N, C-alpha and C. Protein backbone atom coordinates (compact mmCIF):
# COMPACT_ATOMS: atom_id res chain seq x y z
N MET A 1 -4.58 -36.99 7.76
CA MET A 1 -4.36 -37.88 6.78
C MET A 1 -3.62 -37.71 5.48
N ILE A 2 -2.47 -38.44 5.61
CA ILE A 2 -2.41 -37.71 4.41
C ILE A 2 -1.83 -38.73 3.12
N ALA A 3 -2.13 -39.07 1.90
CA ALA A 3 -1.97 -39.60 0.67
C ALA A 3 -0.86 -40.19 0.46
N PHE A 4 -0.76 -41.10 -0.70
CA PHE A 4 0.37 -41.48 -1.39
C PHE A 4 0.63 -41.86 -2.61
N ASP A 5 2.15 -41.90 -3.63
CA ASP A 5 0.69 -42.32 -5.02
C ASP A 5 1.48 -42.97 -5.07
N THR A 6 1.60 -43.81 -6.39
CA THR A 6 2.22 -45.01 -6.20
C THR A 6 3.74 -44.50 -6.07
N ASN A 7 4.44 -44.23 -7.13
CA ASN A 7 5.72 -43.86 -7.54
C ASN A 7 6.34 -43.43 -5.85
N VAL A 8 5.74 -42.71 -4.85
CA VAL A 8 6.33 -42.93 -3.61
C VAL A 8 6.68 -44.17 -2.90
N ILE A 9 5.42 -45.38 -3.14
CA ILE A 9 5.49 -46.53 -2.53
C ILE A 9 6.28 -47.66 -2.91
N VAL A 10 6.48 -47.36 -4.17
CA VAL A 10 7.54 -48.22 -5.16
C VAL A 10 8.87 -47.63 -5.05
N CYS A 11 9.04 -46.62 -4.49
CA CYS A 11 10.46 -45.90 -3.83
C CYS A 11 10.79 -46.38 -2.87
N TYR A 12 10.01 -46.76 -2.39
CA TYR A 12 9.74 -47.22 -0.85
C TYR A 12 10.43 -48.27 -0.99
N LEU A 13 9.67 -49.16 -1.23
CA LEU A 13 10.40 -50.98 -1.58
C LEU A 13 11.06 -51.48 -2.43
N VAL A 14 11.34 -50.05 -3.47
CA VAL A 14 12.50 -51.29 -4.11
C VAL A 14 13.61 -50.52 -4.05
N LYS A 15 13.98 -49.20 -4.08
CA LYS A 15 14.85 -48.70 -3.01
C LYS A 15 16.37 -48.10 -4.53
N ASP A 16 15.33 -48.46 -5.52
CA ASP A 16 16.11 -47.96 -6.88
C ASP A 16 16.91 -46.43 -7.22
N ASP A 17 16.26 -45.37 -6.08
CA ASP A 17 16.42 -44.40 -6.72
C ASP A 17 17.36 -43.97 -5.05
N PRO A 18 18.74 -44.09 -4.11
CA PRO A 18 19.29 -43.77 -3.33
C PRO A 18 18.36 -42.67 -2.25
N HIS A 19 18.13 -41.22 -3.53
CA HIS A 19 17.30 -40.78 -2.78
C HIS A 19 16.68 -40.45 -2.93
N GLN A 20 15.85 -40.78 -3.38
CA GLN A 20 13.93 -41.05 -3.89
C GLN A 20 13.71 -42.52 -2.26
N ALA A 21 14.65 -43.36 -2.21
CA ALA A 21 14.15 -43.76 -1.75
C ALA A 21 14.42 -43.53 0.01
N GLU A 22 15.21 -42.87 -0.02
CA GLU A 22 15.34 -41.89 1.40
C GLU A 22 14.01 -40.92 2.06
N ALA A 23 14.29 -40.21 1.08
CA ALA A 23 12.76 -39.48 1.14
C ALA A 23 11.24 -39.67 1.36
N ALA A 24 11.12 -40.91 0.93
CA ALA A 24 10.06 -42.12 1.39
C ALA A 24 9.90 -42.13 1.82
N ARG A 25 10.96 -42.76 2.72
CA ARG A 25 11.41 -43.44 3.65
C ARG A 25 11.20 -42.58 5.04
N LEU A 26 11.77 -41.43 4.61
CA LEU A 26 11.38 -40.52 5.95
C LEU A 26 10.49 -39.92 6.24
N LEU A 27 9.70 -40.15 5.40
CA LEU A 27 8.03 -39.83 5.14
C LEU A 27 7.36 -40.59 5.50
N LEU A 28 7.41 -42.06 5.46
CA LEU A 28 6.93 -42.87 5.84
C LEU A 28 7.21 -43.52 7.86
N GLN A 29 8.15 -42.76 7.74
CA GLN A 29 8.67 -43.34 9.37
C GLN A 29 7.69 -42.12 9.68
N GLU A 30 7.18 -41.58 9.25
CA GLU A 30 6.60 -40.18 10.23
C GLU A 30 5.09 -40.45 11.09
N LEU A 31 4.73 -42.09 10.11
CA LEU A 31 4.03 -42.01 9.89
C LEU A 31 3.16 -42.49 11.77
N THR A 32 2.30 -42.57 12.05
CA THR A 32 1.91 -43.77 13.27
C THR A 32 0.11 -43.50 12.95
N PRO A 33 -0.23 -44.92 13.67
CA PRO A 33 -1.60 -45.37 14.05
C PRO A 33 -2.67 -44.19 14.27
N GLY A 34 -3.02 -43.31 14.45
CA GLY A 34 -2.98 -41.99 14.98
C GLY A 34 -3.29 -40.54 14.13
N ASN A 35 -1.78 -40.87 13.03
CA ASN A 35 -1.96 -40.02 11.58
C ASN A 35 -1.41 -40.98 10.83
N PRO A 36 -2.37 -41.78 9.92
CA PRO A 36 -1.32 -42.90 9.17
C PRO A 36 -1.56 -41.80 7.30
N GLY A 37 -1.24 -43.13 6.30
CA GLY A 37 -0.91 -42.91 5.60
C GLY A 37 -2.09 -43.79 4.65
N PHE A 38 -2.38 -42.58 3.34
CA PHE A 38 -3.66 -43.38 2.73
C PHE A 38 -2.99 -44.44 1.55
N ILE A 39 -3.38 -45.06 1.33
CA ILE A 39 -3.16 -45.89 -0.05
C ILE A 39 -4.46 -46.51 -1.16
N CYS A 40 -5.21 -46.05 -1.84
CA CYS A 40 -6.76 -45.53 -2.15
C CYS A 40 -5.99 -47.69 -3.49
N ARG A 41 -7.49 -47.47 -3.76
CA ARG A 41 -6.95 -49.31 -4.78
C ARG A 41 -6.40 -48.60 -5.97
N GLU A 42 -6.79 -47.47 -6.67
CA GLU A 42 -6.05 -47.37 -7.96
C GLU A 42 -4.31 -47.25 -7.81
N VAL A 43 -3.62 -47.33 -6.80
CA VAL A 43 -2.24 -47.12 -6.16
C VAL A 43 -2.23 -48.32 -5.76
N VAL A 44 -2.85 -49.36 -5.26
CA VAL A 44 -2.98 -50.58 -4.73
C VAL A 44 -2.37 -51.53 -6.48
N LEU A 45 -3.44 -51.04 -7.65
CA LEU A 45 -2.86 -52.14 -8.75
C LEU A 45 -2.09 -51.86 -9.12
N GLU A 46 -1.61 -49.97 -9.43
CA GLU A 46 -0.65 -49.76 -10.28
C GLU A 46 0.47 -50.13 -9.84
N ILE A 47 0.48 -50.54 -7.77
CA ILE A 47 2.06 -50.89 -7.61
C ILE A 47 2.45 -52.10 -7.67
N ALA A 48 1.08 -53.41 -7.71
CA ALA A 48 1.34 -54.88 -8.34
C ALA A 48 1.63 -55.05 -9.99
N TRP A 49 0.73 -53.55 -10.68
CA TRP A 49 1.56 -53.37 -12.74
C TRP A 49 3.03 -52.90 -12.28
N VAL A 50 3.59 -52.24 -11.26
CA VAL A 50 4.68 -52.14 -11.98
C VAL A 50 5.86 -52.74 -10.59
N LEU A 51 5.62 -53.32 -9.69
CA LEU A 51 6.46 -54.05 -9.93
C LEU A 51 6.30 -54.76 -10.33
N GLU A 52 5.92 -55.51 -11.18
CA GLU A 52 5.75 -57.40 -11.69
C GLU A 52 6.12 -56.78 -13.14
N ARG A 53 6.34 -55.53 -13.69
CA ARG A 53 6.53 -55.48 -15.10
C ARG A 53 7.72 -54.34 -15.81
N SER A 54 7.18 -53.58 -14.53
CA SER A 54 9.71 -52.96 -14.72
C SER A 54 10.20 -52.78 -13.83
N TYR A 55 9.71 -53.68 -12.64
CA TYR A 55 10.85 -54.24 -11.71
C TYR A 55 11.19 -56.04 -12.26
N ARG A 56 10.53 -56.21 -12.36
CA ARG A 56 10.44 -58.11 -12.71
C ARG A 56 9.86 -58.93 -11.27
N PHE A 57 9.07 -59.01 -10.03
CA PHE A 57 9.00 -59.50 -9.28
C PHE A 57 7.67 -60.39 -10.04
N SER A 58 8.42 -61.59 -8.70
CA SER A 58 7.33 -62.56 -8.66
C SER A 58 6.20 -62.56 -8.35
N ARG A 59 4.96 -62.97 -8.92
CA ARG A 59 3.73 -63.18 -8.14
C ARG A 59 3.97 -63.09 -6.76
N ALA A 60 4.36 -63.64 -5.85
CA ALA A 60 5.18 -64.24 -4.56
C ALA A 60 5.61 -62.75 -3.97
N GLN A 61 6.54 -62.12 -4.95
CA GLN A 61 7.03 -60.62 -4.42
C GLN A 61 5.88 -59.87 -3.89
N VAL A 62 5.10 -59.73 -4.98
CA VAL A 62 4.30 -59.03 -5.27
C VAL A 62 3.24 -59.23 -4.24
N ALA A 63 2.95 -59.62 -4.11
CA ALA A 63 1.85 -60.95 -3.08
C ALA A 63 2.01 -60.11 -1.65
N GLU A 64 3.13 -60.37 -0.95
CA GLU A 64 4.38 -60.04 0.00
C GLU A 64 3.79 -58.75 0.44
N ALA A 65 4.18 -57.41 -0.91
CA ALA A 65 4.43 -55.87 -0.40
C ALA A 65 3.42 -55.90 -0.56
N LEU A 66 2.88 -56.03 -1.20
CA LEU A 66 0.63 -56.24 -0.92
C LEU A 66 0.25 -56.64 0.52
N ILE A 67 0.14 -57.09 0.62
CA ILE A 67 0.05 -57.90 1.83
C ILE A 67 1.19 -57.04 3.65
N GLY A 68 2.45 -56.65 3.21
CA GLY A 68 2.70 -55.92 3.92
C GLY A 68 1.97 -54.65 4.12
N LEU A 69 2.54 -53.77 3.01
CA LEU A 69 1.43 -52.68 3.32
C LEU A 69 -0.11 -53.05 3.51
N THR A 70 -0.58 -53.42 3.55
CA THR A 70 -1.91 -53.77 4.13
C THR A 70 -1.86 -54.12 5.99
N ALA A 71 -1.19 -54.93 5.64
CA ALA A 71 -0.33 -55.40 7.31
C ALA A 71 0.11 -53.97 8.21
N SER A 72 0.67 -52.92 7.34
CA SER A 72 1.20 -51.76 8.36
C SER A 72 -0.07 -51.10 9.25
N ASP A 73 0.03 -51.23 10.00
CA ASP A 73 -0.39 -49.91 11.67
C ASP A 73 -0.29 -48.79 11.31
N THR A 74 0.58 -48.25 10.22
CA THR A 74 0.30 -46.41 9.44
C THR A 74 -0.35 -46.61 8.72
N LEU A 75 0.03 -47.36 8.07
CA LEU A 75 -1.18 -47.28 6.85
C LEU A 75 -2.81 -47.76 6.39
N VAL A 76 -3.28 -46.82 5.44
CA VAL A 76 -4.61 -47.24 5.79
C VAL A 76 -4.69 -47.77 4.28
N VAL A 77 -4.71 -49.20 3.72
CA VAL A 77 -5.08 -49.37 2.35
C VAL A 77 -7.00 -49.59 2.60
N GLU A 78 -7.07 -48.75 0.94
CA GLU A 78 -8.74 -48.34 1.17
C GLU A 78 -9.15 -50.34 0.73
N ASN A 79 -10.02 -50.47 1.14
CA ASN A 79 -10.18 -52.40 1.20
C ASN A 79 -9.21 -53.25 1.12
N SER A 80 -8.87 -52.68 2.65
CA SER A 80 -7.53 -53.35 2.73
C SER A 80 -7.65 -54.83 2.77
N ASP A 81 -8.74 -55.47 3.17
CA ASP A 81 -9.79 -56.91 3.34
C ASP A 81 -9.17 -57.88 2.49
N GLU A 82 -9.93 -56.64 0.77
CA GLU A 82 -9.96 -57.22 -0.27
C GLU A 82 -8.81 -56.74 -0.71
N VAL A 83 -7.85 -56.09 -0.61
CA VAL A 83 -6.71 -56.49 -1.13
C VAL A 83 -5.16 -57.56 -0.35
N ALA A 84 -5.92 -57.87 0.18
CA ALA A 84 -4.78 -59.13 1.16
C ALA A 84 -5.39 -59.99 0.48
N ALA A 85 -6.35 -60.43 0.58
CA ALA A 85 -7.18 -61.16 -0.73
C ALA A 85 -6.79 -61.63 -1.17
N ALA A 86 -6.74 -60.50 -2.09
CA ALA A 86 -6.79 -60.58 -3.72
C ALA A 86 -5.10 -60.51 -4.09
N ALA A 87 -4.18 -60.41 -2.58
CA ALA A 87 -2.78 -60.73 -3.16
C ALA A 87 -2.27 -61.88 -3.14
N TYR A 88 -3.26 -62.79 -2.15
CA TYR A 88 -3.35 -64.28 -1.10
C TYR A 88 -3.08 -64.84 -2.32
N LEU A 89 -4.06 -64.49 -3.74
CA LEU A 89 -4.90 -65.41 -4.66
C LEU A 89 -3.98 -65.20 -5.79
N TYR A 90 -3.05 -63.75 -6.04
CA TYR A 90 -2.25 -63.52 -7.24
C TYR A 90 -1.12 -64.55 -7.09
N ASP A 91 -1.08 -64.96 -5.37
CA ASP A 91 0.45 -65.35 -6.05
C ASP A 91 0.01 -67.34 -6.17
N HIS A 92 -1.75 -67.60 -6.02
CA HIS A 92 -2.50 -68.97 -6.89
C HIS A 92 -2.82 -68.88 -7.60
N ALA A 93 -3.22 -67.99 -8.19
CA ALA A 93 -4.25 -67.80 -9.32
C ALA A 93 -3.42 -67.59 -10.95
N PRO A 94 -4.09 -68.19 -11.74
CA PRO A 94 -3.76 -67.81 -13.24
C PRO A 94 -4.01 -66.58 -13.76
N VAL A 95 -4.88 -66.35 -13.15
CA VAL A 95 -5.34 -63.95 -13.50
C VAL A 95 -4.37 -63.25 -13.22
N GLY A 96 -4.54 -62.09 -13.90
CA GLY A 96 -4.12 -60.47 -13.37
C GLY A 96 -4.52 -60.25 -12.07
N PHE A 97 -3.38 -59.70 -11.14
CA PHE A 97 -4.10 -58.61 -9.81
C PHE A 97 -5.33 -57.64 -9.88
N SER A 98 -4.87 -56.83 -11.58
CA SER A 98 -6.34 -55.82 -11.22
C SER A 98 -7.81 -56.34 -11.66
N ASP A 99 -7.49 -58.45 -12.09
CA ASP A 99 -8.93 -58.76 -12.14
C ASP A 99 -9.49 -59.24 -10.60
N LEU A 100 -8.18 -59.45 -10.49
CA LEU A 100 -8.80 -60.37 -8.57
C LEU A 100 -8.83 -58.79 -8.20
N MET A 101 -9.15 -57.86 -8.23
CA MET A 101 -9.17 -57.25 -7.69
C MET A 101 -11.21 -55.87 -8.27
N VAL A 102 -11.07 -56.88 -9.53
CA VAL A 102 -12.54 -56.81 -10.49
C VAL A 102 -13.41 -58.04 -9.29
N PHE A 103 -13.11 -58.85 -9.47
CA PHE A 103 -13.62 -59.53 -8.47
C PHE A 103 -14.52 -59.55 -7.40
N SER A 104 -12.91 -59.46 -6.46
CA SER A 104 -13.28 -59.06 -5.13
C SER A 104 -14.66 -57.49 -5.02
N ALA A 105 -14.94 -57.06 -6.16
CA ALA A 105 -15.20 -55.42 -6.11
C ALA A 105 -16.72 -56.23 -5.84
N ALA A 106 -16.38 -57.39 -6.92
CA ALA A 106 -17.95 -57.68 -7.64
C ALA A 106 -18.88 -58.75 -6.09
N LYS A 107 -17.99 -59.35 -4.91
CA LYS A 107 -18.22 -60.25 -3.97
C LYS A 107 -18.71 -58.79 -3.42
N ARG A 108 -18.03 -58.41 -3.62
CA ARG A 108 -18.10 -56.97 -2.28
C ARG A 108 -19.79 -56.00 -2.69
N SER A 109 -20.64 -56.62 -4.34
CA SER A 109 -21.64 -55.80 -4.40
C SER A 109 -22.36 -56.40 -4.68
N GLU A 110 -21.54 -57.80 -3.85
CA GLU A 110 -23.07 -59.21 -4.42
C GLU A 110 -23.18 -59.28 -5.79
N ALA A 111 -22.55 -58.75 -6.66
CA ALA A 111 -22.46 -58.91 -7.72
C ALA A 111 -22.88 -59.51 -8.40
N ALA A 112 -23.56 -60.46 -8.47
CA ALA A 112 -22.80 -62.45 -9.86
C ALA A 112 -24.08 -62.73 -10.62
N PRO A 113 -23.21 -63.60 -11.98
CA PRO A 113 -22.25 -63.54 -11.55
C PRO A 113 -21.90 -62.53 -12.20
N LEU A 114 -20.19 -62.86 -12.40
CA LEU A 114 -19.01 -61.62 -13.06
C LEU A 114 -18.90 -62.18 -14.19
N TYR A 115 -19.71 -61.91 -15.71
CA TYR A 115 -19.34 -61.49 -16.89
C TYR A 115 -17.96 -61.03 -17.30
N THR A 116 -17.11 -62.36 -18.02
CA THR A 116 -15.81 -62.48 -18.63
C THR A 116 -15.20 -62.96 -19.76
N PHE A 117 -14.79 -62.50 -20.77
CA PHE A 117 -13.93 -63.22 -21.73
C PHE A 117 -13.30 -63.72 -21.81
N ASP A 118 -12.87 -63.59 -20.56
CA ASP A 118 -10.92 -64.41 -20.19
C ASP A 118 -11.52 -65.56 -19.86
N ARG A 119 -10.95 -66.45 -20.47
CA ARG A 119 -11.09 -68.14 -20.14
C ARG A 119 -10.17 -67.89 -18.48
N ARG A 120 -9.41 -67.68 -18.72
CA ARG A 120 -8.91 -68.02 -17.34
C ARG A 120 -9.08 -67.22 -16.23
N PHE A 121 -9.85 -65.78 -16.27
CA PHE A 121 -10.61 -65.16 -14.92
C PHE A 121 -11.75 -66.38 -15.06
N ALA A 122 -12.64 -67.22 -16.00
CA ALA A 122 -13.68 -68.11 -15.61
C ALA A 122 -14.02 -69.50 -15.40
N ARG A 123 -12.70 -69.37 -15.18
CA ARG A 123 -13.40 -70.67 -14.36
C ARG A 123 -12.99 -70.43 -12.75
N MET A 124 -12.86 -69.11 -12.01
CA MET A 124 -12.42 -68.97 -10.82
C MET A 124 -14.60 -69.36 -10.72
N GLU A 125 -14.80 -69.35 -9.43
CA GLU A 125 -16.43 -69.72 -9.11
C GLU A 125 -16.89 -68.42 -8.70
N GLY A 126 -18.20 -67.74 -9.15
CA GLY A 126 -18.36 -66.72 -9.07
C GLY A 126 -17.96 -65.97 -10.90
N ALA A 127 -16.97 -66.49 -11.76
CA ALA A 127 -17.09 -66.27 -13.02
C ALA A 127 -17.95 -66.38 -13.99
N THR A 128 -17.87 -66.24 -15.31
CA THR A 128 -18.77 -67.05 -16.13
C THR A 128 -18.63 -66.41 -17.38
N LEU A 129 -18.20 -67.12 -18.37
CA LEU A 129 -17.54 -67.08 -19.57
C LEU A 129 -18.85 -66.45 -20.22
N VAL A 130 -18.62 -65.42 -20.93
CA VAL A 130 -19.39 -64.61 -22.59
C VAL A 130 -19.02 -65.63 -23.65
N GLU A 131 -19.89 -66.09 -23.73
CA GLU A 131 -19.43 -66.96 -25.61
C GLU A 131 -20.04 -65.81 -26.51
N HIS A 132 -18.67 -66.92 -27.76
CA HIS A 132 -18.63 -65.50 -28.18
C HIS A 132 -19.88 -65.55 -29.12
N ALA A 133 -20.44 -64.43 -30.18
CA ALA A 133 -21.75 -64.71 -30.69
C ALA A 133 -21.54 -65.47 -32.30
N GLN A 134 -21.93 -66.77 -32.42
CA GLN A 134 -21.49 -67.01 -33.74
C GLN A 134 -21.63 -66.22 -35.09
């Protein structure tokens, strides 16, 4: 199994540099279910951030790209079920993708409640707002 850095996957998705996009496409084309590529959670977080901030993808477009990666039979996305669930929520929730991944990790670890100073994040079931000291 090989691993991918954020820039290879983003280049494959965005195709803004034709030469790099083709190199990324050829590399991903070589993958098989028996010899897949690996994408770690940190790369997933960076992909979401870069697509939204640098390429102005909508939340729906980011969610679609991430869900597509998790659905591939030639890619192993770390915690793919959590990534797919967070991507779906990202298209429907008013919080950032990284917050949703933190939320997923807390749920997986059975750590509850999840405390935050972020009022929007605290509206999620299982998250609790930390009140400021007076």
